[in-house]
Structure formats: structure tokens, C-alpha cells
Protein backbone atom coordinates (compact mmCIF):
# COMPACT_ATOMS: atom_id res chain seq x y z
CA MET A 1 68.06 6.73 5.72
CA GLY A 2 66.39 10.08 5.18
CA LEU A 3 65.27 9.02 1.68
CA LEU A 4 63.81 5.83 3.08
CA SER A 5 61.94 7.77 5.70
CA LEU A 6 60.56 10.08 3.02
CA THR A 7 59.46 7.08 0.96
CA ASP A 8 57.84 5.53 3.99
CA SER A 9 56.07 8.80 4.70
CA ILE A 10 54.73 9.01 1.15
CA LEU A 11 53.58 5.39 1.34
CA MET A 12 51.83 5.98 4.64
CA LEU A 13 50.15 9.10 3.25
CA THR A 14 49.03 7.17 0.17
CA VAL A 15 47.54 4.40 2.31
CA ALA A 16 45.76 6.96 4.47
CA VAL A 17 44.31 8.78 1.45
CA CYS A 18 43.26 5.55 -0.22
CA GLY A 19 41.69 4.38 3.02
CA SER A 20 39.76 7.62 3.22
CA PHE A 21 38.48 7.29 -0.34
CA SER A 22 37.57 3.66 0.27
CA GLU A 23 35.09 4.89 2.89
CA LYS A 24 33.04 6.69 0.26
CA PHE A 25 29.77 4.97 -0.54
CA ASP A 26 26.27 5.41 -1.92
CA VAL A 27 23.04 4.38 -0.22
CA ILE A 28 20.93 2.48 -2.73
CA GLY A 29 17.17 2.32 -2.24
CA PRO A 30 14.43 0.87 -4.46
CA SER A 31 13.75 2.46 -7.84
CA THR A 32 9.98 2.39 -7.27
CA ASP A 33 7.59 3.04 -4.39
CA ILE A 34 6.93 0.33 -1.79
CA TYR A 35 3.33 -0.85 -1.32
CA VAL A 36 1.96 -2.69 1.70
CA LEU A 37 -1.46 -3.65 3.04
CA LEU A 38 -2.63 -2.25 6.35
CA GLY A 39 -1.50 -4.42 9.29
CA GLU A 40 1.21 -6.30 7.41
CA ASP A 41 4.99 -6.12 7.89
CA VAL A 42 7.24 -4.46 5.33
CA THR A 43 10.94 -3.97 4.62
CA LEU A 44 12.23 -0.65 3.34
CA PRO A 45 15.32 -1.84 1.46
CA ALA A 46 18.57 0.12 1.56
CA THR A 47 22.13 -1.10 0.95
CA LEU A 48 25.58 0.43 0.74
CA SER A 49 27.50 0.46 -2.52
CA PRO A 50 30.18 -0.79 -2.30
CA PRO A 51 28.92 -3.19 0.42
CA LEU A 52 30.96 -1.77 3.31
CA ASN A 53 30.67 -2.95 6.89
CA ALA A 54 28.11 -0.58 8.43
CA GLN A 55 28.41 -1.84 12.01
CA GLY A 56 30.44 1.20 13.06
CA PHE A 57 28.43 3.74 11.07
CA GLU A 58 25.56 5.93 12.23
CA LEU A 59 22.22 4.98 10.66
CA THR A 60 19.21 7.26 10.87
CA TRP A 61 15.76 6.48 9.50
CA VAL A 62 13.32 9.40 9.48
CA GLN A 63 9.83 9.87 8.08
CA ASN A 64 8.56 12.94 6.23
CA GLU A 65 11.51 15.30 6.17
CA LEU A 66 12.92 14.82 9.69
CA HIS A 67 9.56 15.25 11.42
CA SER A 68 9.56 11.72 12.87
CA LEU A 69 12.61 9.78 14.02
CA VAL A 70 11.86 6.19 13.13
CA LEU A 71 15.13 4.58 14.21
CA LEU A 72 18.62 5.70 15.24
CA TYR A 73 21.59 3.29 15.24
CA GLN A 74 24.61 4.85 16.93
CA ASP A 75 27.69 3.55 18.76
CA PHE A 76 26.95 -0.03 17.69
CA ARG A 77 23.41 -0.07 19.10
CA ILE A 78 19.88 1.17 18.46
CA ARG A 79 19.11 4.27 20.53
CA LEU A 80 15.50 3.66 21.54
CA GLU A 81 15.38 6.73 23.78
CA TYR A 82 15.22 9.00 20.72
CA GLN A 83 12.57 7.04 18.82
CA MET A 84 9.13 8.52 18.17
CA GLN A 85 6.43 6.85 20.27
CA ALA A 86 4.41 5.82 17.21
CA PHE A 87 7.23 3.53 16.05
CA LYS A 88 8.23 1.96 19.38
CA GLY A 89 8.22 -1.82 19.31
CA ARG A 90 7.63 -1.97 15.56
CA THR A 91 11.04 -1.33 13.97
CA ALA A 92 14.22 -3.31 13.49
CA LEU A 93 17.39 -3.51 11.45
CA PHE A 94 19.07 -6.65 10.15
CA PRO A 95 22.02 -6.76 12.60
CA GLU A 96 23.71 -9.81 11.12
CA GLU A 97 23.70 -8.19 7.69
CA LEU A 98 25.13 -4.80 8.66
CA VAL A 99 28.59 -6.22 7.99
CA SER A 100 27.66 -6.62 4.31
CA GLY A 101 26.14 -3.14 3.99
CA ASN A 102 22.46 -3.99 4.50
CA VAL A 103 20.93 -0.98 6.29
CA SER A 104 17.29 -1.84 5.51
CA LEU A 105 14.49 -1.04 7.94
CA ARG A 106 11.89 -3.59 9.03
CA LEU A 107 8.52 -2.10 9.98
CA GLN A 108 5.87 -4.27 11.64
CA ASP A 109 2.08 -4.00 11.89
CA VAL A 110 1.89 -1.15 9.38
CA ARG A 111 -0.54 1.68 10.12
CA VAL A 112 -2.15 4.20 7.78
CA SER A 113 0.00 6.92 9.37
CA ASP A 114 3.16 5.03 8.35
CA GLY A 115 2.67 6.01 4.73
CA GLY A 116 4.88 8.70 3.23
CA LEU A 117 8.47 9.58 2.42
CA TYR A 118 11.32 7.96 4.38
CA ARG A 119 14.97 9.00 4.42
CA CYS A 120 17.78 6.58 5.24
CA LEU A 121 20.87 8.56 6.29
CA VAL A 122 24.19 6.75 6.73
CA ALA A 123 27.29 8.46 8.13
CA SER A 124 30.86 7.28 8.67
CA GLU A 125 33.74 9.37 10.00
CA GLN A 126 34.69 10.41 6.46
CA TRP A 127 31.47 10.30 4.48
CA ASN A 128 27.68 10.45 4.58
CA GLU A 129 24.95 9.68 2.07
CA GLU A 130 21.21 9.08 2.06
CA ALA A 131 18.40 7.42 0.12
CA HIS A 132 14.71 8.33 -0.17
CA ILE A 133 11.96 5.71 -0.11
CA THR A 134 8.20 6.21 -0.45
CA LEU A 135 5.88 3.83 1.40
CA ASN A 136 2.25 3.54 0.33
CA VAL A 137 -0.13 1.89 2.80
CA GLU A 138 -3.15 0.40 1.06
CA VAL A 139 -6.43 -0.24 2.84
CA VAL A 140 -8.74 -2.49 0.82
CA GLY A 141 -12.32 -1.51 1.53
CA THR A 142 -15.29 -3.52 2.70
CA GLN A 143 -17.18 -6.06 0.62
CA PRO A 144 -19.43 -4.07 -1.75
CA SER A 145 -23.16 -4.16 -1.13
CA ILE A 146 -25.68 -3.82 -3.97
CA SER A 147 -29.10 -2.29 -3.44
CA ILE A 148 -31.97 -1.58 -5.82
CA SER A 149 -34.19 1.49 -5.91
CA THR A 150 -36.57 3.40 -8.15
CA THR A 151 -36.36 7.14 -8.77
CA GLU A 152 -39.28 9.57 -8.89
CA ASP A 153 -39.39 9.24 -12.67
CA GLN A 154 -39.68 5.44 -12.30
CA GLN A 155 -36.10 4.72 -13.35
CA THR A 156 -34.82 1.52 -11.72
CA ARG A 157 -31.20 1.60 -10.65
CA LEU A 158 -28.60 -0.42 -8.78
CA GLU A 159 -26.20 1.10 -6.27
CA CYS A 160 -22.92 -0.62 -5.39
CA SER A 161 -21.24 0.83 -2.31
CA SER A 162 -18.16 0.11 -0.20
CA GLU A 163 -16.19 2.02 2.43
CA LYS A 164 -12.78 2.19 4.15
CA TRP A 165 -10.61 2.48 1.03
CA SER A 166 -7.31 4.34 1.34
CA SER A 167 -7.32 5.20 -2.36
CA ARG A 168 -9.99 5.31 -5.04
CA PRO A 169 -10.60 1.79 -6.40
CA GLN A 170 -11.36 0.83 -9.97
CA VAL A 171 -15.08 0.01 -10.29
CA THR A 172 -16.36 -2.32 -13.01
CA TRP A 173 -19.97 -3.26 -13.78
CA ARG A 174 -20.78 -6.27 -16.00
CA ASP A 175 -24.03 -7.87 -17.11
CA MET A 176 -24.81 -11.60 -17.29
CA ASN A 177 -23.04 -11.86 -20.66
CA GLY A 178 -19.84 -10.39 -19.26
CA VAL A 179 -20.32 -7.13 -21.15
CA ASP A 180 -18.68 -4.14 -19.44
CA VAL A 181 -21.44 -1.60 -18.79
CA THR A 182 -19.42 0.66 -16.48
CA SER A 183 -19.73 3.61 -18.87
CA GLN A 184 -23.45 3.82 -17.96
CA SER A 185 -22.71 4.30 -14.25
CA ASN A 186 -21.96 7.33 -12.08
CA LEU A 187 -19.33 7.23 -9.34
CA THR A 188 -19.35 9.17 -6.08
CA VAL A 189 -16.37 9.25 -3.67
CA GLN A 190 -16.50 10.75 -0.18
CA ARG A 191 -13.82 10.96 2.53
CA ASP A 192 -14.72 10.05 6.11
CA ASP A 193 -13.34 11.33 9.42
CA GLU A 194 -10.49 8.78 9.31
CA GLY A 195 -9.38 10.02 5.92
CA LEU A 196 -10.64 6.86 4.21
CA LEU A 197 -12.97 6.75 1.22
CA ARG A 198 -16.58 5.69 0.77
CA VAL A 199 -17.24 4.71 -2.83
CA SER A 200 -20.68 4.50 -4.43
CA SER A 201 -21.47 3.59 -8.03
CA VAL A 202 -25.01 3.87 -9.44
CA ILE A 203 -26.17 2.34 -12.70
CA PRO A 204 -29.64 2.50 -14.35
CA ILE A 205 -31.14 -0.83 -15.40
CA LYS A 206 -34.17 -2.24 -17.17
CA TRP A 207 -36.42 -4.43 -15.08
CA GLU A 208 -35.82 -7.66 -16.95
CA PHE A 209 -33.90 -10.83 -16.27
CA ASN A 210 -30.21 -10.12 -15.87
CA VAL A 211 -27.30 -10.67 -13.52
CA PHE A 212 -25.13 -7.68 -12.67
CA SER A 213 -21.74 -7.85 -11.02
CA CYS A 214 -19.93 -4.96 -9.35
CA LEU A 215 -16.19 -5.35 -8.84
CA MET A 216 -14.04 -2.92 -6.87
CA ARG A 217 -10.29 -3.40 -7.34
CA SER A 218 -7.36 -1.70 -5.63
CA ASN A 219 -5.19 0.10 -8.17
CA MET A 220 -2.13 -0.49 -5.97
CA THR A 221 -2.34 -4.10 -4.79
CA ARG A 222 -4.83 -5.36 -7.42
CA LEU A 223 -6.85 -7.06 -4.67
CA ALA A 224 -10.57 -6.86 -5.33
CA HIS A 225 -14.04 -7.53 -3.94
CA GLN A 226 -16.97 -8.53 -6.14
CA SER A 227 -20.72 -8.68 -5.50
CA LYS A 228 -23.51 -9.88 -7.80
CA MET A 229 -27.24 -9.27 -8.01
CA ARG A 230 -29.75 -11.25 -10.04
CA ILE A 231 -32.75 -9.41 -11.46
CA TYR A 232 -35.85 -11.30 -12.64
CA ASP A 233 -38.34 -10.00 -15.17
CA LYS A 234 -40.83 -7.86 -13.27
CA LYS A 235 -43.68 -9.15 -15.44
CA ALA A 236 -42.71 -12.78 -15.13
CA THR A 237 -45.33 -15.23 -13.82
CA TYR A 238 -44.32 -18.20 -11.69
CA LYS A 239 -46.32 -21.37 -10.92
CA THR A 240 -46.46 -22.58 -7.35
CA LYS A 241 -48.57 -25.63 -6.46
CA GLY A 242 -50.53 -25.29 -9.70
CA LYS A 243 -51.31 -21.60 -9.23
CA ASP A 244 -50.00 -18.60 -11.11
CA MET A 245 -48.43 -15.95 -8.92
CA ALA A 246 -46.32 -12.88 -9.53
CA GLY A 247 -43.01 -12.82 -7.68
CA GLU A 248 -42.40 -10.14 -5.08
CA ILE A 249 -39.30 -7.98 -5.34
CA LEU A 250 -37.68 -9.30 -2.18
CA ASP A 251 -38.16 -12.87 -3.42
CA LEU A 252 -36.63 -12.13 -6.78
CA LEU A 253 -33.33 -10.58 -5.81
CA GLU A 254 -30.26 -12.62 -5.11
CA CYS A 255 -26.91 -11.24 -4.00
CA ALA A 256 -23.67 -13.22 -4.13
CA ARG A 257 -20.34 -11.96 -2.91
CA ALA A 258 -16.83 -13.16 -3.60
CA ARG A 259 -13.33 -11.91 -2.90
CA VAL A 260 -11.35 -11.71 -6.10
CA VAL A 261 -7.54 -11.72 -6.24
């Protein structure tokens, strides 16, 4: 009877130890950064491996090294009283998927301030782990505008400008033959009071018939805006009602804009 009790004790201890080890897990996040456009919704993916039931665990999402508590799930519910004001009404978990180890965060109506490093901390009674996720919020700037001017030394030039970019876009100039002439341009980038960028690209041109396009493309999302300007030969003569007349500058410039994806 004593031997049986000893065996039972060993078996119970083994089950307890195995149960404890079975609680060990990793938190798996994405291998690359997450990108989202301003104002859109985004999911920061995080799952447990193995896919344990996380309903009874404590889940903590924080932004930028514990400075901002994004969401706290504790005692089988989300504790809204501890959430930072900036995230109130914009965060959620996937409650029906907690049982399969999905601890991802849903963030709605993304703001510029939401960008940065996030930490997903998961704790059970026996174990805790975390994953790090970087969110990049991309603001695609305004439609570029093209203007023409002449310098003091009589050099004609085009300026393509756009504002409200969150990161420096790729700027490409092409002529009417599709030749890339970007190497002839100069780029200026300035940051405004909101922390967004104003981008200006200037290129010298000859006053002769041509069509120039200026394309600004986001390096993150690959969304782009394009504007075009048509230049007529300054010395060209046009016939109107049988008379010869030289075209005025304002009559000879055409600007077309298109959003390119």
C-alpha cells in the first residue's frame, strides 16, 4: 500500500511538472515592420506558440518602452481604467480567438503619434514572454504643383512641390519621351510644425516644346502622385483668324494631375 502511494505520488508530481512545462510559450510577432496609412485601421499580429488558450492570461500592449499603456487584459476582461487617453475607443483584441492563442491588437483610425515600437507582453501563472512590433504610419503628401520661373541669369526652371509627407518621397522627373531627367534636378526637404515634410524639386529647362512630369512616390506604401506641365516653344508663332500672333506664357502652359498607384 505504501509502495502504491509512493508510485501515485511520483505520478502526480510528474503530471504537475509536465503541466507546468506545458504552460511555457513564445509570443510570435511579425518578422518585418508594419506599415499603415494615416486614418486607416491596422492589426498588430501576435500569437502564442504553441497556440495555448490565452483567455486566463494577462495581456499587456504598450507603446515605446512602457511609456504608453495601449491595452491591458486582466482577469478575463479589458481594463479600460488603465488605458492611455490617446488610445481610448480605438483598440480591441480578438476575444473569440484568444482560445487559440491569438493575442493580436486591433488599432483603429491610426494617427501619426501611433507610430513607433510596441511590446506585447503575455503572462500566465508559470511563464511570461513578449514580442516587439514596429508600426510605421505613412502620410502621403498633397498633389504636387508645378510652377515655372526665370532666374536672374535668365535660366528657366520648373519647381515641383508637395507638402504633408511623413517621410521623404522618391521624386522622378521625365520628359515627353519618358527619359528620366531627375539627375538634373535639386531637391529641398523642410519639416513643418507638425513634423511633416514639405518637398520641393527644381529642374532647369530649355524654353522649347516639351512635356515634363513630376512624380512623388512613397517609399513605404508605393502610393504616388503625378503632375505634368506642357511647355511650348517660346518663339513659336500661332495663327488665329488669319493673323500671326505670339502665344503668351499663361496661354501656353498646361498642367495635368493624376494619382498613380
